[in-house]
């Protein structure tokens, strides 16, 4: 039986604890605690809300609208931090292997969105051999519109740079604003039927939860 995302994430955290400098781990752990204390923003998108139209570029730079995404059925929309994030990659690979094969039964489409530019999104697609649409949300403006974007603390940005990651270099427009890991299930009328926002960036929505939400639509 495949490992759950949570189980895989725990393995990643254990490996990181052995590999990363103690001072960096301390910064990251403190950041997670801060986000857990803050919880889910009160103004974040909720079940029953109508997702406003948007158009974002896919990995090849082709504009894709929300109307196209839900044109023939519901959509599972995943907001992730970027291809540099091991927890994001873990989730995307799991969705590729375990979620995507089940979506045809619901006539549903899978879309993933990050603040990285199209060329970085393409790198993510190629590295993970993803077979679903990956879109670029410059400056996390769409994520901000639905209330799931956040600013990382300066100490977190500094810790990331010590590991060779400069968000201003890998994100579109040099922005460092990121989305909280979020999954939406949106129907053909753009009504949000399922929302899962994760304050802890190491946590992700399990495949079974998403399938359960799609079953409720049938």
N, C-alpha and C. Protein backbone atom coordinates (compact mmCIF):
# COMPACT_ATOMS: atom_id res chain seq x y z
N UNK A 1 0.85 -1.19 0.00
CA UNK A 1 0.00 0.00 0.00
C UNK A 1 0.89 1.24 0.00
N UNK A 2 0.61 2.21 -0.90
CA UNK A 2 1.46 3.40 -0.97
C UNK A 2 1.43 4.19 0.34
N UNK A 3 2.54 4.83 0.63
CA UNK A 3 2.60 5.70 1.81
C UNK A 3 1.71 6.91 1.60
N UNK A 4 1.09 7.38 2.67
CA UNK A 4 0.33 8.63 2.59
C UNK A 4 1.30 9.80 2.42
N UNK A 5 0.77 10.94 2.03
CA UNK A 5 1.63 12.12 1.92
C UNK A 5 2.22 12.46 3.30
N UNK A 6 1.42 12.32 4.33
CA UNK A 6 1.93 12.60 5.68
C UNK A 6 3.10 11.70 6.03
N UNK A 7 2.99 10.43 5.71
CA UNK A 7 4.08 9.49 6.02
C UNK A 7 5.34 9.84 5.22
N UNK A 8 5.16 10.18 3.95
CA UNK A 8 6.30 10.57 3.13
C UNK A 8 6.93 11.86 3.66
N UNK A 9 6.08 12.79 4.09
CA UNK A 9 6.56 14.06 4.63
C UNK A 9 7.37 13.84 5.90
N UNK A 10 6.92 12.92 6.74
CA UNK A 10 7.67 12.62 7.97
C UNK A 10 9.05 12.06 7.65
N UNK A 11 9.13 11.25 6.60
CA UNK A 11 10.43 10.74 6.17
C UNK A 11 11.33 11.87 5.70
N UNK A 12 10.75 12.80 4.94
CA UNK A 12 11.53 13.95 4.47
C UNK A 12 12.05 14.77 5.64
N UNK A 13 11.20 15.01 6.62
CA UNK A 13 11.61 15.81 7.78
C UNK A 13 12.73 15.12 8.55
N UNK A 14 12.63 13.81 8.67
CA UNK A 14 13.68 13.07 9.38
C UNK A 14 15.00 13.17 8.64
N UNK A 15 14.96 13.08 7.32
CA UNK A 15 16.18 13.19 6.52
C UNK A 15 16.76 14.59 6.62
N UNK A 16 15.88 15.60 6.61
CA UNK A 16 16.34 17.00 6.71
C UNK A 16 16.99 17.25 8.06
N UNK A 17 16.47 16.64 9.11
CA UNK A 17 17.02 16.83 10.45
C UNK A 17 18.46 16.33 10.54
N UNK A 18 18.79 15.32 9.73
CA UNK A 18 20.15 14.78 9.73
C UNK A 18 21.09 15.57 8.82
N UNK A 19 20.50 16.23 7.81
CA UNK A 19 21.31 16.84 6.75
C UNK A 19 21.53 18.34 6.95
N UNK A 20 20.52 19.06 7.43
CA UNK A 20 20.60 20.51 7.48
C UNK A 20 21.28 20.99 8.77
N UNK A 21 21.93 22.16 8.70
CA UNK A 21 22.54 22.73 9.90
C UNK A 21 21.49 22.97 10.99
N UNK A 22 21.88 22.79 12.23
CA UNK A 22 20.94 22.92 13.35
C UNK A 22 20.30 24.30 13.40
N UNK A 23 21.08 25.35 13.10
CA UNK A 23 20.54 26.71 13.18
C UNK A 23 19.50 26.96 12.10
N UNK A 24 19.68 26.33 10.94
CA UNK A 24 18.69 26.47 9.87
C UNK A 24 17.41 25.74 10.24
N UNK A 25 17.55 24.53 10.77
CA UNK A 25 16.38 23.76 11.20
C UNK A 25 15.59 24.53 12.25
N UNK A 26 16.31 25.19 13.15
CA UNK A 26 15.65 25.95 14.21
C UNK A 26 14.80 27.07 13.61
N UNK A 27 15.34 27.75 12.60
CA UNK A 27 14.59 28.83 11.94
C UNK A 27 13.35 28.28 11.27
N UNK A 28 13.51 27.19 10.54
CA UNK A 28 12.37 26.59 9.83
C UNK A 28 11.30 26.10 10.81
N UNK A 29 11.74 25.44 11.88
CA UNK A 29 10.78 24.93 12.87
C UNK A 29 10.02 26.08 13.54
N UNK A 30 10.74 27.17 13.83
CA UNK A 30 10.10 28.32 14.45
C UNK A 30 9.08 28.94 13.49
N UNK A 31 9.42 28.95 12.20
CA UNK A 31 8.50 29.48 11.20
C UNK A 31 7.21 28.66 11.15
N UNK A 32 7.35 27.33 11.17
CA UNK A 32 6.16 26.48 11.14
C UNK A 32 5.29 26.73 12.37
N UNK A 33 5.93 26.86 13.54
CA UNK A 33 5.17 27.11 14.76
C UNK A 33 4.42 28.44 14.66
N UNK A 34 5.06 29.44 14.08
CA UNK A 34 4.41 30.75 13.92
C UNK A 34 3.18 30.64 13.03
N UNK A 35 3.32 29.90 11.92
CA UNK A 35 2.18 29.76 11.00
C UNK A 35 1.06 28.95 11.63
N UNK A 36 1.41 27.93 12.42
CA UNK A 36 0.38 27.15 13.11
C UNK A 36 -0.35 28.01 14.13
N UNK A 37 0.40 28.88 14.80
CA UNK A 37 -0.22 29.79 15.77
C UNK A 37 -1.18 30.76 15.07
N UNK A 38 -0.79 31.21 13.87
CA UNK A 38 -1.63 32.14 13.12
C UNK A 38 -2.88 31.43 12.59
N UNK A 39 -2.74 30.15 12.26
CA UNK A 39 -3.86 29.40 11.72
C UNK A 39 -4.22 29.82 10.30
N UNK A 40 -5.40 29.45 9.86
CA UNK A 40 -5.88 29.78 8.52
C UNK A 40 -6.43 31.19 8.53
N UNK A 41 -6.02 32.06 7.61
CA UNK A 41 -6.51 33.43 7.59
C UNK A 41 -8.04 33.50 7.52
N UNK A 42 -8.62 34.43 8.26
CA UNK A 42 -10.07 34.55 8.31
C UNK A 42 -10.67 34.91 6.95
N UNK A 43 -9.86 35.58 6.11
CA UNK A 43 -10.38 36.02 4.81
C UNK A 43 -10.07 35.04 3.68
N UNK A 44 -9.58 33.84 4.03
CA UNK A 44 -9.25 32.87 2.98
C UNK A 44 -10.54 32.31 2.36
N UNK A 45 -10.41 31.83 1.15
CA UNK A 45 -11.54 31.32 0.39
C UNK A 45 -12.22 30.16 1.13
N UNK A 46 -13.54 30.07 1.00
CA UNK A 46 -14.30 29.08 1.74
C UNK A 46 -15.25 28.31 0.82
N UNK A 47 -15.69 27.16 1.30
CA UNK A 47 -16.68 26.37 0.56
C UNK A 47 -17.92 27.23 0.32
N UNK A 48 -18.39 27.21 -0.91
CA UNK A 48 -19.56 28.01 -1.27
C UNK A 48 -19.22 29.31 -1.96
N UNK A 49 -17.96 29.75 -1.82
CA UNK A 49 -17.53 30.96 -2.53
C UNK A 49 -17.46 30.68 -4.03
N UNK A 50 -17.61 31.73 -4.82
CA UNK A 50 -17.43 31.63 -6.26
C UNK A 50 -16.01 32.10 -6.58
N UNK A 51 -15.23 31.26 -7.22
CA UNK A 51 -13.87 31.62 -7.59
C UNK A 51 -13.92 32.57 -8.78
N UNK A 52 -13.38 33.76 -8.60
CA UNK A 52 -13.43 34.76 -9.66
C UNK A 52 -12.56 34.33 -10.85
N UNK A 53 -12.97 34.73 -12.07
CA UNK A 53 -12.20 34.34 -13.26
C UNK A 53 -10.75 34.79 -13.18
N UNK A 54 -9.86 33.99 -13.74
CA UNK A 54 -8.45 34.35 -13.83
C UNK A 54 -7.87 33.71 -15.08
N UNK A 55 -6.76 34.26 -15.52
CA UNK A 55 -5.99 33.69 -16.62
C UNK A 55 -4.52 33.71 -16.24
N UNK A 56 -3.86 32.56 -16.29
CA UNK A 56 -2.45 32.44 -15.95
C UNK A 56 -1.74 31.67 -17.05
N UNK A 57 -0.44 31.90 -17.19
CA UNK A 57 0.35 31.20 -18.20
C UNK A 57 0.72 29.81 -17.72
N UNK A 58 0.66 28.84 -18.65
CA UNK A 58 1.12 27.49 -18.30
C UNK A 58 2.62 27.38 -18.49
N UNK A 59 3.16 26.18 -18.35
CA UNK A 59 4.60 25.98 -18.39
C UNK A 59 5.23 26.37 -19.72
N UNK A 60 4.43 26.42 -20.78
CA UNK A 60 4.95 26.82 -22.10
C UNK A 60 4.67 28.28 -22.41
N UNK A 61 4.08 29.01 -21.44
CA UNK A 61 3.75 30.41 -21.66
C UNK A 61 2.40 30.64 -22.31
N UNK A 62 1.61 29.59 -22.46
CA UNK A 62 0.28 29.71 -23.06
C UNK A 62 -0.74 30.13 -21.99
N UNK A 63 -1.52 31.18 -22.24
CA UNK A 63 -2.52 31.61 -21.26
C UNK A 63 -3.64 30.57 -21.11
N UNK A 64 -3.96 30.26 -19.87
CA UNK A 64 -5.03 29.32 -19.56
C UNK A 64 -6.01 30.01 -18.60
N UNK A 65 -7.28 30.02 -18.97
CA UNK A 65 -8.28 30.69 -18.14
C UNK A 65 -8.99 29.70 -17.23
N UNK A 66 -9.60 30.22 -16.17
CA UNK A 66 -10.40 29.38 -15.29
C UNK A 66 -11.55 28.76 -16.07
N UNK A 67 -12.12 29.54 -17.01
CA UNK A 67 -13.19 29.02 -17.84
C UNK A 67 -12.79 27.77 -18.59
N UNK A 68 -11.55 27.75 -19.10
CA UNK A 68 -11.04 26.56 -19.78
C UNK A 68 -10.87 25.40 -18.80
N UNK A 69 -10.40 25.71 -17.62
CA UNK A 69 -10.10 24.69 -16.63
C UNK A 69 -11.37 23.94 -16.20
N UNK A 70 -12.46 24.66 -16.01
CA UNK A 70 -13.71 24.03 -15.55
C UNK A 70 -14.73 23.92 -16.68
N UNK A 71 -14.27 24.07 -17.91
CA UNK A 71 -15.18 24.08 -19.05
C UNK A 71 -15.94 22.78 -19.27
N UNK A 72 -15.37 21.67 -18.88
CA UNK A 72 -16.02 20.39 -19.13
C UNK A 72 -16.19 19.54 -17.89
N UNK A 73 -15.97 20.14 -16.73
CA UNK A 73 -16.11 19.38 -15.49
C UNK A 73 -15.42 20.08 -14.34
N UNK A 74 -15.47 19.49 -13.15
CA UNK A 74 -14.83 20.12 -11.99
C UNK A 74 -13.31 20.11 -12.10
N UNK A 75 -12.68 20.90 -11.26
CA UNK A 75 -11.22 20.97 -11.26
C UNK A 75 -10.69 20.86 -9.85
N UNK A 76 -9.56 20.19 -9.73
CA UNK A 76 -8.78 20.17 -8.49
C UNK A 76 -7.64 21.15 -8.71
N UNK A 77 -7.62 22.22 -7.94
CA UNK A 77 -6.63 23.28 -8.10
C UNK A 77 -5.71 23.28 -6.88
N UNK A 78 -4.43 23.07 -7.14
CA UNK A 78 -3.43 22.93 -6.09
C UNK A 78 -2.49 24.14 -6.11
N UNK A 79 -2.42 24.85 -5.01
CA UNK A 79 -1.44 25.93 -4.87
C UNK A 79 -0.24 25.38 -4.11
N UNK A 80 0.95 25.52 -4.73
CA UNK A 80 2.17 25.01 -4.09
C UNK A 80 3.25 26.09 -4.13
N UNK A 81 4.25 25.95 -3.29
CA UNK A 81 5.26 27.01 -3.12
C UNK A 81 6.21 27.11 -4.30
N UNK A 82 6.64 25.97 -4.85
CA UNK A 82 7.55 26.00 -5.99
C UNK A 82 8.28 24.69 -6.15
N UNK A 83 8.92 24.53 -7.30
CA UNK A 83 9.65 23.31 -7.59
C UNK A 83 10.87 23.10 -6.71
N UNK A 84 11.29 24.14 -5.98
CA UNK A 84 12.43 24.05 -5.08
C UNK A 84 12.04 23.39 -3.74
N UNK A 85 10.74 23.28 -3.49
CA UNK A 85 10.23 22.79 -2.20
C UNK A 85 10.06 21.28 -2.23
N UNK A 86 10.81 20.53 -1.44
CA UNK A 86 10.72 19.06 -1.48
C UNK A 86 9.34 18.55 -1.09
N UNK A 87 8.66 19.25 -0.20
CA UNK A 87 7.32 18.81 0.22
C UNK A 87 6.30 19.03 -0.90
N UNK A 88 6.49 20.10 -1.67
CA UNK A 88 5.63 20.34 -2.84
C UNK A 88 5.86 19.26 -3.88
N UNK A 89 7.11 18.94 -4.15
CA UNK A 89 7.43 17.92 -5.15
C UNK A 89 6.87 16.56 -4.74
N UNK A 90 6.97 16.27 -3.46
CA UNK A 90 6.42 15.02 -2.94
C UNK A 90 4.92 14.95 -3.22
N UNK A 91 4.21 16.04 -2.92
CA UNK A 91 2.76 16.07 -3.14
C UNK A 91 2.41 15.98 -4.61
N UNK A 92 3.12 16.74 -5.45
CA UNK A 92 2.81 16.72 -6.88
C UNK A 92 3.04 15.34 -7.48
N UNK A 93 4.10 14.69 -7.08
CA UNK A 93 4.36 13.33 -7.59
C UNK A 93 3.27 12.36 -7.12
N UNK A 94 2.84 12.52 -5.88
CA UNK A 94 1.77 11.65 -5.38
C UNK A 94 0.47 11.90 -6.13
N UNK A 95 0.16 13.16 -6.38
CA UNK A 95 -1.05 13.47 -7.14
C UNK A 95 -0.95 12.92 -8.56
N UNK A 96 0.24 12.98 -9.13
CA UNK A 96 0.46 12.45 -10.47
C UNK A 96 0.16 10.94 -10.50
N UNK A 97 0.69 10.21 -9.55
CA UNK A 97 0.60 8.75 -9.58
C UNK A 97 -0.70 8.20 -9.00
N UNK A 98 -1.26 8.89 -7.99
CA UNK A 98 -2.39 8.31 -7.28
C UNK A 98 -3.71 9.03 -7.51
N UNK A 99 -3.66 10.35 -7.75
CA UNK A 99 -4.89 11.12 -7.94
C UNK A 99 -5.29 11.20 -9.41
N UNK A 100 -4.33 11.57 -10.25
CA UNK A 100 -4.63 11.81 -11.66
C UNK A 100 -5.35 10.63 -12.33
N UNK A 101 -4.91 9.37 -12.10
CA UNK A 101 -5.58 8.25 -12.77
C UNK A 101 -7.06 8.08 -12.37
N UNK A 102 -7.45 8.69 -11.25
CA UNK A 102 -8.84 8.55 -10.79
C UNK A 102 -9.75 9.68 -11.27
N UNK A 103 -9.17 10.72 -11.85
CA UNK A 103 -9.96 11.91 -12.17
C UNK A 103 -10.89 11.73 -13.35
N UNK A 104 -10.53 10.86 -14.28
CA UNK A 104 -11.39 10.65 -15.45
C UNK A 104 -12.79 10.19 -15.04
N UNK A 105 -12.87 9.44 -13.97
CA UNK A 105 -14.16 8.94 -13.51
C UNK A 105 -15.10 10.06 -13.08
N UNK A 106 -14.51 11.22 -12.76
CA UNK A 106 -15.31 12.37 -12.34
C UNK A 106 -15.34 13.47 -13.41
N UNK A 107 -14.68 13.21 -14.54
CA UNK A 107 -14.58 14.24 -15.57
C UNK A 107 -13.83 15.46 -15.08
N UNK A 108 -12.89 15.24 -14.15
CA UNK A 108 -12.21 16.34 -13.47
C UNK A 108 -10.81 16.58 -14.03
N UNK A 109 -10.34 17.79 -13.83
CA UNK A 109 -9.01 18.19 -14.29
C UNK A 109 -8.17 18.59 -13.09
N UNK A 110 -6.87 18.34 -13.18
CA UNK A 110 -5.91 18.70 -12.12
C UNK A 110 -5.02 19.83 -12.61
N UNK A 111 -4.92 20.88 -11.80
CA UNK A 111 -4.09 22.04 -12.13
C UNK A 111 -3.28 22.43 -10.89
N UNK A 112 -1.99 22.71 -11.08
CA UNK A 112 -1.14 23.16 -9.98
C UNK A 112 -0.61 24.56 -10.28
N UNK A 113 -0.57 25.41 -9.25
CA UNK A 113 -0.22 26.82 -9.42
C UNK A 113 0.85 27.22 -8.43
N UNK A 114 1.91 27.89 -8.92
CA UNK A 114 2.95 28.41 -8.04
C UNK A 114 3.38 29.79 -8.54
N UNK A 115 4.13 30.55 -7.71
CA UNK A 115 4.58 31.88 -8.14
C UNK A 115 5.81 31.86 -9.03
N UNK A 116 6.25 30.68 -9.44
CA UNK A 116 7.42 30.62 -10.32
C UNK A 116 7.04 30.99 -11.75
N UNK A 117 7.98 31.51 -12.52
CA UNK A 117 7.70 31.86 -13.92
C UNK A 117 7.52 30.61 -14.77
N UNK A 118 6.97 30.75 -15.98
CA UNK A 118 6.71 29.58 -16.82
C UNK A 118 7.91 28.68 -17.04
N UNK A 119 9.11 29.26 -17.20
CA UNK A 119 10.26 28.40 -17.47
C UNK A 119 10.62 27.55 -16.25
N UNK A 120 10.44 28.11 -15.06
CA UNK A 120 10.68 27.33 -13.84
C UNK A 120 9.59 26.27 -13.68
N UNK A 121 8.35 26.63 -14.05
CA UNK A 121 7.27 25.65 -13.99
C UNK A 121 7.55 24.50 -14.94
N UNK A 122 8.09 24.83 -16.11
CA UNK A 122 8.42 23.79 -17.09
C UNK A 122 9.48 22.86 -16.51
N UNK A 123 10.46 23.42 -15.81
CA UNK A 123 11.48 22.60 -15.18
C UNK A 123 10.85 21.64 -14.17
N UNK A 124 9.88 22.15 -13.40
CA UNK A 124 9.18 21.31 -12.44
C UNK A 124 8.45 20.18 -13.14
N UNK A 125 7.75 20.52 -14.23
CA UNK A 125 7.01 19.52 -15.00
C UNK A 125 7.94 18.45 -15.54
N UNK A 126 9.07 18.89 -16.11
CA UNK A 126 10.00 17.95 -16.72
C UNK A 126 10.64 17.04 -15.67
N UNK A 127 11.07 17.64 -14.56
CA UNK A 127 11.76 16.86 -13.53
C UNK A 127 10.83 15.81 -12.90
N UNK A 128 9.59 16.20 -12.70
CA UNK A 128 8.65 15.30 -12.05
C UNK A 128 7.82 14.49 -13.04
N UNK A 129 8.04 14.71 -14.35
CA UNK A 129 7.28 14.02 -15.40
C UNK A 129 5.78 14.17 -15.17
N UNK A 130 5.36 15.40 -14.87
CA UNK A 130 3.96 15.65 -14.58
C UNK A 130 3.13 15.67 -15.86
N UNK A 131 1.92 15.15 -15.77
CA UNK A 131 1.03 15.07 -16.91
C UNK A 131 -0.21 15.92 -16.73
N UNK A 132 -0.14 16.90 -15.83
CA UNK A 132 -1.25 17.82 -15.63
C UNK A 132 -0.75 19.26 -15.79
N UNK A 133 -1.67 20.19 -15.86
CA UNK A 133 -1.35 21.59 -16.13
C UNK A 133 -0.70 22.25 -14.92
N UNK A 134 0.42 22.95 -15.17
CA UNK A 134 1.10 23.72 -14.14
C UNK A 134 1.11 25.18 -14.58
N UNK A 135 0.60 26.07 -13.72
CA UNK A 135 0.44 27.48 -14.06
C UNK A 135 1.32 28.37 -13.19
N UNK A 136 1.62 29.55 -13.73
CA UNK A 136 2.45 30.54 -13.03
C UNK A 136 1.57 31.67 -12.50
N UNK A 137 1.72 31.98 -11.21
CA UNK A 137 0.97 33.05 -10.55
C UNK A 137 1.95 34.10 -10.06
N UNK A 138 2.39 35.03 -10.95
CA UNK A 138 3.40 36.01 -10.58
C UNK A 138 3.00 36.82 -9.35
N UNK A 139 3.95 36.92 -8.42
CA UNK A 139 3.69 37.69 -7.21
C UNK A 139 2.65 37.07 -6.30
N UNK A 140 2.25 35.83 -6.59
CA UNK A 140 1.18 35.16 -5.83
C UNK A 140 -0.08 36.02 -5.76
N UNK A 141 -0.37 36.74 -6.84
CA UNK A 141 -1.52 37.64 -6.81
C UNK A 141 -2.85 36.88 -6.72
N UNK A 142 -2.96 35.77 -7.46
CA UNK A 142 -4.18 34.98 -7.34
C UNK A 142 -4.29 34.38 -5.94
N UNK A 143 -3.17 33.84 -5.44
CA UNK A 143 -3.18 33.30 -4.07
C UNK A 143 -3.57 34.37 -3.07
N UNK A 144 -3.12 35.61 -3.30
CA UNK A 144 -3.47 36.72 -2.41
C UNK A 144 -4.96 37.02 -2.50
N UNK A 145 -5.50 36.98 -3.71
CA UNK A 145 -6.93 37.26 -3.93
C UNK A 145 -7.82 36.29 -3.17
N UNK A 146 -7.37 35.04 -3.06
CA UNK A 146 -8.20 34.07 -2.34
C UNK A 146 -7.77 33.91 -0.88
N UNK A 147 -6.86 34.77 -0.45
CA UNK A 147 -6.53 34.85 0.97
C UNK A 147 -5.59 33.79 1.51
N UNK A 148 -4.74 33.21 0.64
CA UNK A 148 -3.84 32.16 1.13
C UNK A 148 -2.35 32.53 0.97
N UNK A 149 -2.05 33.74 0.51
CA UNK A 149 -0.66 34.15 0.33
C UNK A 149 -0.07 34.66 1.65
N UNK A 150 1.25 34.61 1.75
CA UNK A 150 1.91 35.09 2.97
C UNK A 150 3.31 35.57 2.65
N UNK A 151 3.87 36.34 3.58
CA UNK A 151 5.25 36.80 3.50
C UNK A 151 6.09 35.99 4.47
N UNK A 152 7.22 35.50 4.00
CA UNK A 152 8.11 34.78 4.90
C UNK A 152 8.94 35.77 5.71
N UNK A 153 9.28 35.37 6.93
CA UNK A 153 10.12 36.20 7.79
C UNK A 153 11.51 36.35 7.18
N UNK A 154 12.15 37.48 7.47
CA UNK A 154 13.49 37.74 6.94
C UNK A 154 14.47 36.64 7.33
N UNK A 155 14.32 36.11 8.55
CA UNK A 155 15.26 35.07 8.98
C UNK A 155 15.07 33.78 8.17
N UNK A 156 13.87 33.54 7.71
CA UNK A 156 13.62 32.36 6.87
C UNK A 156 14.26 32.56 5.50
N UNK A 157 14.06 33.75 4.94
CA UNK A 157 14.67 34.05 3.63
C UNK A 157 16.19 33.94 3.72
N UNK A 158 16.76 34.42 4.83
CA UNK A 158 18.21 34.34 5.01
C UNK A 158 18.67 32.89 5.14
N UNK A 159 17.91 32.10 5.89
CA UNK A 159 18.26 30.69 6.05
C UNK A 159 18.19 29.95 4.71
N UNK A 160 17.18 30.28 3.91
CA UNK A 160 17.07 29.66 2.59
C UNK A 160 18.27 30.02 1.71
N UNK A 161 18.71 31.27 1.82
CA UNK A 161 19.86 31.69 1.00
C UNK A 161 21.13 30.94 1.40
N UNK A 162 21.27 30.60 2.69
CA UNK A 162 22.45 29.83 3.09
C UNK A 162 22.44 28.44 2.46
N UNK A 163 21.25 27.99 2.06
CA UNK A 163 21.12 26.68 1.41
C UNK A 163 21.14 26.79 -0.11
N UNK A 164 21.37 28.02 -0.60
CA UNK A 164 21.47 28.20 -2.05
C UNK A 164 20.17 28.56 -2.73
N UNK A 165 19.13 28.86 -1.95
CA UNK A 165 17.84 29.22 -2.53
C UNK A 165 17.56 30.70 -2.30
N UNK A 166 17.41 31.45 -3.39
CA UNK A 166 17.02 32.86 -3.31
C UNK A 166 15.68 32.98 -4.04
N UNK A 167 14.62 33.14 -3.27
CA UNK A 167 13.28 33.18 -3.87
C UNK A 167 13.14 34.28 -4.90
N UNK A 168 13.84 35.39 -4.68
CA UNK A 168 13.76 36.50 -5.64
C UNK A 168 14.32 36.10 -7.00
N UNK A 169 15.16 35.08 -7.01
CA UNK A 169 15.75 34.62 -8.27
C UNK A 169 14.90 33.56 -8.96
N UNK A 170 14.14 32.79 -8.21
CA UNK A 170 13.38 31.69 -8.81
C UNK A 170 11.91 32.01 -9.02
N UNK A 171 11.41 33.08 -8.38
CA UNK A 171 10.01 33.45 -8.55
C UNK A 171 9.83 34.50 -9.63
N UNK A 172 8.68 34.51 -10.26
CA UNK A 172 8.36 35.53 -11.26
C UNK A 172 8.38 36.91 -10.60
N UNK A 173 8.89 37.88 -11.33
CA UNK A 173 8.93 39.29 -10.90
C UNK A 173 9.78 39.52 -9.67
N UNK A 174 10.60 38.54 -9.29
CA UNK A 174 11.46 38.72 -8.13
C UNK A 174 10.71 38.77 -6.81
N UNK A 175 9.47 38.32 -6.81
CA UNK A 175 8.64 38.37 -5.60
C UNK A 175 8.98 37.22 -4.67
N UNK A 176 8.86 37.45 -3.37
CA UNK A 176 9.13 36.39 -2.39
C UNK A 176 7.85 35.96 -1.66
N UNK A 177 6.73 36.52 -2.07
CA UNK A 177 5.45 36.14 -1.49
C UNK A 177 5.07 34.73 -1.97
N UNK A 178 4.56 33.91 -1.07
CA UNK A 178 4.26 32.51 -1.39
C UNK A 178 2.81 32.17 -1.01
N UNK A 179 2.27 31.11 -1.62
CA UNK A 179 0.96 30.63 -1.19
C UNK A 179 1.10 29.59 -0.08
N UNK A 180 0.17 29.59 0.86
CA UNK A 180 0.07 28.45 1.76
C UNK A 180 -0.35 27.24 0.93
N UNK A 181 0.16 26.05 1.23
CA UNK A 181 -0.28 24.87 0.48
C UNK A 181 -1.81 24.75 0.57
N UNK A 182 -2.45 24.76 -0.57
CA UNK A 182 -3.92 24.82 -0.62
C UNK A 182 -4.45 23.95 -1.75
N UNK A 183 -5.55 23.25 -1.49
CA UNK A 183 -6.25 22.50 -2.52
C UNK A 183 -7.70 22.95 -2.55
N UNK A 184 -8.17 23.27 -3.76
CA UNK A 184 -9.57 23.61 -3.98
C UNK A 184 -10.18 22.59 -4.93
N UNK A 185 -11.43 22.26 -4.72
CA UNK A 185 -12.23 21.56 -5.72
C UNK A 185 -13.31 22.53 -6.15
N UNK A 186 -13.31 22.84 -7.44
CA UNK A 186 -14.21 23.87 -7.99
C UNK A 186 -15.08 23.22 -9.06
N UNK A 187 -16.40 23.49 -9.02
CA UNK A 187 -17.29 22.88 -10.00
C UNK A 187 -17.37 23.73 -11.27
N UNK A 188 -18.19 23.29 -12.22
CA UNK A 188 -18.26 23.97 -13.52
C UNK A 188 -18.81 25.39 -13.43
N UNK A 189 -19.50 25.70 -12.33
CA UNK A 189 -20.03 27.05 -12.13
C UNK A 189 -19.08 27.92 -11.32
N UNK A 190 -17.87 27.42 -11.12
CA UNK A 190 -16.81 28.12 -10.38
C UNK A 190 -17.10 28.20 -8.89
N UNK A 191 -18.04 27.39 -8.42
CA UNK A 191 -18.33 27.35 -6.98
C UNK A 191 -17.34 26.41 -6.29
N UNK A 192 -16.76 26.90 -5.21
CA UNK A 192 -15.78 26.11 -4.46
C UNK A 192 -16.53 25.09 -3.61
N UNK A 193 -16.24 23.83 -3.83
CA UNK A 193 -16.93 22.75 -3.12
C UNK A 193 -16.07 22.12 -2.03
N UNK A 194 -14.77 22.37 -2.06
CA UNK A 194 -13.85 21.81 -1.06
C UNK A 194 -12.67 22.75 -0.95
N UNK A 195 -12.23 23.00 0.28
CA UNK A 195 -11.05 23.83 0.54
C UNK A 195 -10.22 23.17 1.63
N UNK A 196 -8.92 23.09 1.40
CA UNK A 196 -8.00 22.65 2.45
C UNK A 196 -6.76 23.53 2.38
N UNK A 197 -6.61 24.40 3.37
CA UNK A 197 -5.46 25.30 3.49
C UNK A 197 -4.57 24.78 4.62
N UNK A 198 -3.30 24.59 4.33
CA UNK A 198 -2.37 24.04 5.32
C UNK A 198 -1.45 25.15 5.86
N UNK A 199 -1.58 25.53 7.14
CA UNK A 199 -0.64 26.50 7.72
C UNK A 199 0.79 25.96 7.77
N UNK A 200 0.90 24.64 7.99
CA UNK A 200 2.21 23.98 8.06
C UNK A 200 2.64 23.60 6.63
N UNK A 201 3.74 24.19 6.16
CA UNK A 201 4.13 23.96 4.76
C UNK A 201 4.64 22.54 4.51
N UNK A 202 4.86 21.76 5.57
CA UNK A 202 5.28 20.37 5.36
C UNK A 202 4.07 19.44 5.21
N UNK A 203 2.88 19.97 5.42
CA UNK A 203 1.66 19.16 5.34
C UNK A 203 0.96 19.40 4.01
N UNK A 204 0.25 18.39 3.53
CA UNK A 204 -0.47 18.50 2.26
C UNK A 204 -1.79 17.73 2.34
N UNK A 205 -2.68 18.04 1.43
CA UNK A 205 -3.98 17.38 1.36
C UNK A 205 -3.80 15.97 0.82
N UNK A 206 -4.37 14.99 1.51
CA UNK A 206 -4.24 13.61 1.08
C UNK A 206 -5.15 13.33 -0.11
N UNK A 207 -4.74 12.38 -0.93
CA UNK A 207 -5.51 12.00 -2.12
C UNK A 207 -6.92 11.57 -1.74
N UNK A 208 -7.05 10.81 -0.66
CA UNK A 208 -8.36 10.31 -0.24
C UNK A 208 -9.33 11.45 0.08
N UNK A 209 -8.81 12.54 0.63
CA UNK A 209 -9.67 13.69 0.93
C UNK A 209 -10.20 14.33 -0.35
N UNK A 210 -9.34 14.43 -1.35
CA UNK A 210 -9.74 15.03 -2.63
C UNK A 210 -10.76 14.15 -3.34
N UNK A 211 -10.53 12.86 -3.36
CA UNK A 211 -11.47 11.94 -3.97
C UNK A 211 -12.82 12.00 -3.24
N UNK A 212 -12.77 12.09 -1.93
CA UNK A 212 -14.00 12.20 -1.16
C UNK A 212 -14.81 13.42 -1.54
N UNK A 213 -14.10 14.54 -1.78
CA UNK A 213 -14.78 15.77 -2.19
C UNK A 213 -15.40 15.62 -3.57
N UNK A 214 -14.71 14.94 -4.48
CA UNK A 214 -15.24 14.74 -5.83
C UNK A 214 -16.45 13.81 -5.79
N UNK A 215 -16.43 12.82 -4.93
CA UNK A 215 -17.58 11.91 -4.80
C UNK A 215 -18.82 12.70 -4.39
N UNK A 216 -18.62 13.71 -3.54
CA UNK A 216 -19.75 14.52 -3.08
C UNK A 216 -20.40 15.30 -4.23
N UNK A 217 -19.67 15.51 -5.30
CA UNK A 217 -20.21 16.24 -6.45
C UNK A 217 -21.08 15.37 -7.34
N UNK A 218 -20.94 14.06 -7.23
CA UNK A 218 -21.65 13.17 -8.14
C UNK A 218 -23.06 12.86 -7.66
